[in-house]
Amino acid sequence: MRIIALALGIGLAFAALPARAGAPQGNLAEKAPLPLATLRQFVTVDDTHVRLGDLFEGAGAYADRQVVQAPAPGKRTSLDAVWLYKLARAYGLEWRPIGKNDRAVVERASVTVSDEEIRSAIRAALGEKGVSEDAEMSLGQRELRMHVPANTDPTVTIEDVVIDRTSQRFSCVAVVAAGSADSVRTRISGQVHPTTEVPVLSRGAKKGDILTASDIQWTRIRANDVGRDTVTDIDHIIGLTPVRFLREGVPLRIGDIQPPVLVAKGSLVTMMLKTPTMTLTVQGRALEDGVKGAAIQVENTISKHPVLATVASGDVVIVRTTASVASLY
């Protein structure tokens, strides 16, 4: 692009010049000092071409002369020392580069249409095609920005929307300043992702915390991200406790939560055996953690005999088989 711009500039700057760039002829020209000029190193233009006066302060009679094509809106180009020196000499300006790194950077003024504006217009266009407002949209381009010349209406319109209802992929054309000679168009592709609501934690929770309704909020995720083990019912969370620390806002899986431990390993419990004719109790010590309804090993504190019992509460386990009676003593 830079080579093309310079080539065009040379054509504009040099080809149409009169002899000696309009300098006076004869002996007067030889004696008259050249106009002193100062290079403008950073230039912003709002036209399709760069003029001599844009590049040099003190450009004289040719200040309004177009010398090179301007870059596209929002873009910039660099003019090097050699090209600038030839330009100055061609137009009779007293300027020479201090070093080879002297250059002028030219930027084209523009109105920027943001990524957010373009995405909002696409979503509205998809909505007109029946796509749910709750659907998530992903685009093939990471970030969208469009530039139009300054003083141009930056309104975005979306045209040629095509949706594949099977794959949910779509394509469209974003147009800025439609109907204007300065309009800008770009083709965009993407995909629509249906979403569903799932319960998540509203705060971080650690193992042992008992989850309540106030700890839960709802969020939307892509429907195809909901697995067989994703928790979708709030009733499957309330009253349970995390297996490990859980972060807020993350969909829960069945293996992430469990009933709270009622009997901790090493704690003392009452071992109870019930029959139609009697109820026997003895003190025992839990050999493992147990949630309500879980079968755990409990040791008689006197005989040291282990017994398989079911957790009934925080301090009671039920010995359910008569074969374990002897182990109570």
Protein backbone atom coordinates (compact mmCIF):
# COMPACT_ATOMS: atom_id res chain seq x y z
CA MET A 1 0.00 0.00 0.00
CA ARG A 2 2.81 2.41 0.86
CA ILE A 3 4.57 1.80 -2.47
CA ILE A 4 1.32 2.34 -4.37
CA ALA A 5 0.61 5.52 -2.42
CA LEU A 6 4.05 6.89 -3.13
CA ALA A 7 3.79 6.00 -6.78
CA LEU A 8 0.48 7.79 -7.04
CA GLY A 9 1.94 10.69 -5.12
CA ILE A 10 4.88 11.00 -7.45
CA GLY A 11 2.49 11.08 -10.37
CA LEU A 12 0.41 13.80 -8.78
CA ALA A 13 3.27 15.75 -7.30
CA PHE A 14 5.73 15.78 -10.14
CA ALA A 15 4.12 14.94 -13.47
CA ALA A 16 1.83 17.96 -13.68
CA LEU A 17 4.37 20.54 -12.53
CA PRO A 18 5.42 23.42 -14.77
CA ALA A 19 9.16 23.82 -15.30
CA ARG A 20 10.99 24.62 -12.05
CA ALA A 21 7.72 24.00 -10.16
CA GLY A 22 6.39 27.43 -11.06
CA ALA A 23 9.50 29.25 -9.93
CA PRO A 24 10.27 32.56 -11.70
CA GLN A 25 12.35 32.22 -14.87
CA GLY A 26 15.62 33.82 -15.94
CA ASN A 27 18.16 35.64 -13.79
CA LEU A 28 15.49 36.65 -11.26
CA ALA A 29 14.82 32.99 -10.49
CA GLU A 30 18.48 32.35 -9.94
CA LYS A 31 18.77 35.22 -7.46
CA ALA A 32 15.43 34.78 -5.66
CA PRO A 33 15.74 32.72 -2.47
CA LEU A 34 13.66 29.56 -2.25
CA PRO A 35 10.72 29.67 0.18
CA LEU A 36 11.72 28.30 3.59
CA ALA A 37 9.54 25.33 4.58
CA THR A 38 9.14 23.25 7.72
CA LEU A 39 8.09 19.61 7.57
CA ARG A 40 4.95 18.63 9.44
CA GLN A 41 5.85 15.20 10.80
CA PHE A 42 2.35 14.18 11.83
CA VAL A 43 -0.54 15.09 9.58
CA THR A 44 -4.27 14.36 9.72
CA VAL A 45 -6.30 14.99 6.61
CA ASP A 46 -10.03 14.67 5.94
CA ASP A 47 -9.83 14.62 2.14
CA THR A 48 -9.08 11.95 -0.44
CA HIS A 49 -5.72 13.57 -1.19
CA VAL A 50 -2.86 15.12 0.74
CA ARG A 51 -1.91 18.66 -0.25
CA LEU A 52 1.52 20.24 -0.26
CA GLY A 53 0.50 22.58 2.56
CA ASP A 54 -0.50 19.59 4.67
CA LEU A 55 3.09 18.35 4.58
CA PHE A 56 5.04 21.63 4.67
CA GLU A 57 4.46 24.78 6.63
CA GLY A 58 5.39 27.69 4.38
CA ALA A 59 4.50 25.85 1.16
CA GLY A 60 3.77 29.11 -0.63
CA ALA A 61 1.70 29.39 -3.80
CA TYR A 62 1.39 25.63 -4.24
CA ALA A 63 0.14 24.92 -0.71
CA ASP A 64 -3.23 23.75 -2.04
CA ARG A 65 -1.75 21.43 -4.68
CA GLN A 66 -2.70 17.74 -4.29
CA VAL A 67 0.53 15.74 -4.06
CA VAL A 68 -0.39 12.22 -2.97
CA GLN A 69 -3.48 10.11 -2.42
CA ALA A 70 -4.60 9.97 1.21
CA PRO A 71 -4.85 6.61 2.97
CA ALA A 72 -8.24 5.00 3.59
CA PRO A 73 -10.31 6.47 6.45
CA GLY A 74 -8.80 5.52 9.80
CA LYS A 75 -5.56 4.33 8.18
CA ARG A 76 -2.15 5.96 7.99
CA THR A 77 0.85 5.98 5.68
CA SER A 78 4.45 7.10 6.03
CA LEU A 79 6.29 9.30 3.52
CA ASP A 80 10.07 8.91 3.71
CA ALA A 81 12.86 11.48 3.60
CA VAL A 82 13.92 10.82 -0.01
CA TRP A 83 10.41 11.23 -1.38
CA LEU A 84 9.82 14.37 0.69
CA TYR A 85 13.09 15.93 -0.45
CA LYS A 86 12.24 15.35 -4.11
CA LEU A 87 8.80 16.82 -3.50
CA ALA A 88 10.23 19.93 -1.85
CA ARG A 89 12.75 20.46 -4.68
CA ALA A 90 10.07 19.93 -7.33
CA TYR A 91 7.97 22.70 -5.83
CA GLY A 92 10.88 25.02 -5.14
CA LEU A 93 10.82 24.74 -1.34
CA GLU A 94 13.93 25.26 0.77
CA TRP A 95 13.88 22.07 2.82
CA ARG A 96 16.19 19.13 3.18
CA PRO A 97 16.05 16.19 5.61
CA ILE A 98 18.30 16.22 8.63
CA GLY A 99 18.69 12.45 8.34
CA LYS A 100 17.32 9.44 6.54
CA ASN A 101 14.83 8.83 9.34
CA ASP A 102 12.97 12.06 8.68
CA ARG A 103 9.44 11.26 7.55
CA ALA A 104 5.85 12.47 7.58
CA VAL A 105 3.10 10.24 8.93
CA VAL A 106 -0.25 10.97 7.32
CA GLU A 107 -3.49 9.75 8.88
CA ARG A 108 -6.93 9.99 7.32
CA ALA A 109 -9.56 11.40 9.67
CA SER A 110 -12.55 9.15 10.13
CA VAL A 111 -15.65 8.31 12.11
CA THR A 112 -15.18 4.95 13.84
CA VAL A 113 -18.09 2.54 14.12
CA SER A 114 -17.37 0.37 17.14
CA ASP A 115 -17.53 -3.39 17.52
CA GLU A 116 -20.41 -2.96 19.97
CA GLU A 117 -22.47 -0.90 17.50
CA ILE A 118 -21.98 -3.45 14.73
CA ARG A 119 -22.84 -6.41 16.97
CA SER A 120 -25.95 -4.63 18.23
CA ALA A 121 -27.13 -4.05 14.66
CA ILE A 122 -26.50 -7.70 13.75
CA ARG A 123 -28.42 -8.94 16.79
CA ALA A 124 -31.36 -6.72 15.88
CA ALA A 125 -31.32 -8.05 12.31
CA LEU A 126 -31.23 -11.64 13.59
CA GLY A 127 -34.16 -10.86 15.87
CA GLU A 128 -36.18 -9.80 12.82
CA LYS A 129 -35.43 -13.27 11.42
CA GLY A 130 -36.93 -14.95 14.51
CA VAL A 131 -33.78 -15.56 16.55
CA SER A 132 -34.51 -15.42 20.30
CA GLU A 133 -33.14 -12.41 22.16
CA ASP A 134 -31.78 -14.88 24.74
CA ALA A 135 -29.62 -16.62 22.16
CA GLU A 136 -25.88 -16.09 22.26
CA MET A 137 -24.13 -14.88 19.13
CA SER A 138 -20.54 -15.57 18.12
CA LEU A 139 -18.81 -14.00 15.13
CA GLY A 140 -15.97 -15.23 12.97
CA GLN A 141 -14.16 -11.92 13.49
CA ARG A 142 -12.72 -11.25 16.94
CA GLU A 143 -13.26 -7.51 16.78
CA LEU A 144 -15.16 -5.43 14.29
CA ARG A 145 -14.40 -1.81 13.52
CA MET A 146 -15.41 0.14 10.46
CA HIS A 147 -14.22 3.58 9.40
CA VAL A 148 -15.92 6.11 7.17
CA PRO A 149 -14.71 9.58 6.20
CA ALA A 150 -15.22 12.38 8.70
CA ASN A 151 -18.56 14.20 8.45
CA THR A 152 -20.21 11.00 7.18
CA ASP A 153 -23.34 9.52 8.80
CA PRO A 154 -22.03 6.46 10.71
CA THR A 155 -25.38 4.63 10.83
CA VAL A 156 -25.00 0.84 10.51
CA THR A 157 -27.45 -1.23 8.50
CA ILE A 158 -27.39 -5.01 8.06
CA GLU A 159 -28.23 -6.53 4.69
CA ASP A 160 -28.42 -9.97 3.07
CA VAL A 161 -29.00 -11.94 6.30
CA VAL A 162 -28.95 -15.70 5.64
CA ILE A 163 -29.44 -18.27 8.45
CA ASP A 164 -28.97 -22.04 8.25
CA ARG A 165 -31.61 -23.29 10.71
CA THR A 166 -29.86 -26.65 11.11
CA SER A 167 -26.38 -25.47 12.01
CA GLN A 168 -27.55 -22.05 13.25
CA ARG A 169 -24.79 -20.44 11.22
CA PHE A 170 -25.47 -17.14 9.51
CA SER A 171 -23.92 -14.57 7.21
CA CYS A 172 -24.73 -10.93 6.54
CA VAL A 173 -23.30 -7.69 5.20
CA ALA A 174 -22.73 -4.69 7.49
CA VAL A 175 -23.01 -1.36 5.69
CA VAL A 176 -22.05 2.01 7.14
CA ALA A 177 -23.40 5.18 5.50
CA ALA A 178 -25.56 3.18 3.10
CA GLY A 179 -26.51 5.10 -0.04
CA SER A 180 -23.51 7.40 0.28
CA ALA A 181 -20.56 7.52 -2.08
CA ASP A 182 -18.41 6.98 1.01
CA SER A 183 -20.30 3.89 2.22
CA VAL A 184 -18.28 0.99 3.61
CA ARG A 185 -19.35 -2.65 3.45
CA THR A 186 -18.00 -5.79 5.07
CA ARG A 187 -19.25 -9.37 5.06
CA ILE A 188 -19.64 -11.02 8.45
CA SER A 189 -20.28 -14.64 9.40
CA GLY A 190 -21.17 -16.18 12.73
CA GLN A 191 -23.31 -18.64 14.63
CA VAL A 192 -26.34 -18.45 16.92
CA HIS A 193 -26.25 -20.50 20.13
CA PRO A 194 -29.57 -21.24 21.93
CA THR A 195 -29.25 -20.82 25.70
CA THR A 196 -30.94 -22.14 28.82
CA GLU A 197 -31.02 -21.07 32.46
CA VAL A 198 -29.18 -23.07 35.12
CA PRO A 199 -28.69 -22.43 38.85
CA VAL A 200 -25.24 -21.31 40.01
CA LEU A 201 -23.80 -20.15 43.30
CA SER A 202 -24.06 -16.44 44.07
CA ARG A 203 -20.98 -16.69 46.31
CA GLY A 204 -18.01 -18.96 46.73
CA ALA A 205 -18.74 -21.92 49.03
CA LYS A 206 -16.41 -24.36 50.78
CA LYS A 207 -16.80 -27.93 51.91
CA GLY A 208 -19.07 -28.07 54.95
CA ASP A 209 -21.16 -25.01 54.00
CA ILE A 210 -24.85 -25.85 53.87
CA LEU A 211 -26.32 -24.30 50.73
CA THR A 212 -29.58 -22.37 50.95
CA ALA A 213 -31.85 -20.63 48.45
CA SER A 214 -30.09 -17.31 49.14
CA ASP A 215 -26.81 -18.84 47.91
CA ILE A 216 -28.23 -19.53 44.44
CA GLN A 217 -28.87 -17.38 41.39
CA TRP A 218 -29.70 -18.17 37.77
CA THR A 219 -27.55 -17.66 34.72
CA ARG A 220 -27.78 -18.50 31.03
CA ILE A 221 -25.37 -20.85 29.28
CA ARG A 222 -25.35 -22.42 25.84
CA ALA A 223 -27.87 -25.24 25.67
CA ASN A 224 -25.30 -27.62 24.19
CA ASP A 225 -23.06 -27.01 27.22
CA VAL A 226 -25.65 -28.59 29.52
CA GLY A 227 -24.42 -32.13 30.17
CA ARG A 228 -26.16 -35.12 31.70
CA ASP A 229 -24.57 -34.32 35.06
CA THR A 230 -25.29 -30.57 35.02
CA VAL A 231 -27.54 -29.55 37.91
CA THR A 232 -30.62 -27.82 36.50
CA ASP A 233 -32.99 -28.03 39.50
CA ILE A 234 -32.50 -25.75 42.49
CA ASP A 235 -34.02 -28.41 44.76
CA HIS A 236 -31.01 -30.60 44.01
CA ILE A 237 -28.75 -27.97 45.61
CA ILE A 238 -30.56 -26.67 48.69
CA GLY A 239 -29.48 -28.43 51.88
CA LEU A 240 -26.36 -29.97 50.31
CA THR A 241 -22.71 -29.04 50.77
CA PRO A 242 -19.80 -28.69 48.32
CA VAL A 243 -17.40 -31.59 47.91
CA ARG A 244 -14.63 -28.94 47.54
CA PHE A 245 -14.48 -25.18 47.20
CA LEU A 246 -16.86 -23.99 44.46
CA ARG A 247 -16.62 -20.62 42.70
CA GLU A 248 -19.60 -18.37 42.19
CA GLY A 249 -21.28 -18.20 38.80
CA VAL A 250 -20.07 -21.61 37.59
CA PRO A 251 -22.64 -24.26 36.55
CA LEU A 252 -22.73 -27.11 39.05
CA ARG A 253 -22.34 -30.80 38.32
CA ILE A 254 -23.86 -33.60 40.35
CA GLY A 255 -20.44 -34.63 41.66
CA ASP A 256 -19.73 -31.11 42.96
CA ILE A 257 -22.19 -31.36 45.87
CA GLN A 258 -23.30 -33.95 48.37
CA PRO A 259 -25.44 -34.25 51.51
CA PRO A 260 -23.64 -32.71 54.50
CA VAL A 261 -21.59 -35.01 56.72
CA LEU A 262 -23.64 -35.70 59.87
CA VAL A 263 -21.18 -38.07 61.46
CA ALA A 264 -17.51 -37.19 61.25
CA LYS A 265 -14.80 -39.81 61.32
CA GLY A 266 -13.64 -40.35 64.92
CA SER A 267 -16.75 -38.84 66.52
CA LEU A 268 -18.69 -40.60 69.29
CA VAL A 269 -22.18 -41.82 68.38
CA THR A 270 -24.97 -43.85 69.91
CA MET A 271 -25.27 -47.25 68.26
CA MET A 272 -28.90 -48.34 68.32
CA LEU A 273 -30.41 -51.71 67.50
CA LYS A 274 -34.20 -52.00 67.35
CA THR A 275 -36.25 -55.19 67.31
CA PRO A 276 -39.99 -55.68 67.80
CA THR A 277 -39.39 -56.49 71.45
CA MET A 278 -36.46 -54.36 72.51
CA THR A 279 -34.13 -51.45 71.79
CA LEU A 280 -30.41 -51.79 72.57
CA THR A 281 -27.97 -48.88 72.66
CA VAL A 282 -24.23 -48.63 73.21
CA GLN A 283 -21.58 -46.02 72.60
CA GLY A 284 -19.53 -46.29 69.45
CA ARG A 285 -16.91 -44.37 67.45
CA ALA A 286 -17.32 -43.61 63.73
CA LEU A 287 -14.53 -45.09 61.60
CA GLU A 288 -15.45 -42.91 58.59
CA ASP A 289 -17.48 -39.84 57.64
CA GLY A 290 -21.15 -40.42 56.99
CA VAL A 291 -24.01 -38.43 55.46
CA LYS A 292 -27.61 -39.06 56.38
CA GLY A 293 -28.73 -42.49 55.19
CA ALA A 294 -25.19 -43.67 54.43
CA ALA A 295 -23.86 -47.01 55.74
CA ILE A 296 -20.61 -46.55 57.67
CA GLN A 297 -18.33 -48.61 59.89
CA VAL A 298 -18.73 -47.87 63.62
CA GLU A 299 -16.55 -49.38 66.37
CA ASN A 300 -17.89 -50.37 69.79
CA THR A 301 -15.81 -48.29 72.20
CA ILE A 302 -15.66 -51.13 74.74
CA SER A 303 -15.31 -54.32 72.66
CA LYS A 304 -13.61 -52.59 69.71
CA HIS A 305 -15.79 -54.67 67.39
CA PRO A 306 -16.68 -52.91 64.10
CA VAL A 307 -20.35 -52.72 63.10
CA LEU A 308 -21.99 -51.61 59.85
CA ALA A 309 -24.62 -49.00 60.71
CA THR A 310 -26.76 -46.42 58.95
CA VAL A 311 -26.47 -42.73 59.85
CA ALA A 312 -29.76 -41.47 61.30
CA SER A 313 -28.66 -38.11 62.72
CA GLY A 314 -25.56 -36.32 63.92
CA ASP A 315 -25.08 -38.61 66.91
CA VAL A 316 -27.18 -41.74 66.23
CA VAL A 317 -26.51 -44.68 63.93
CA ILE A 318 -28.89 -47.59 63.44
CA VAL A 319 -27.62 -51.15 63.49
CA ARG A 320 -30.13 -52.92 61.30
CA THR A 321 -29.19 -56.63 61.41
CA THR A 322 -29.63 -58.98 64.34
CA ALA A 323 -26.36 -60.58 63.32
CA SER A 324 -24.67 -57.52 64.76
CA VAL A 325 -26.18 -57.85 68.22
CA ALA A 326 -23.12 -59.60 69.60
CA SER A 327 -20.97 -56.77 68.36
CA LEU A 328 -22.78 -54.32 70.63
CA TYR A 329 -21.10 -55.88 73.65
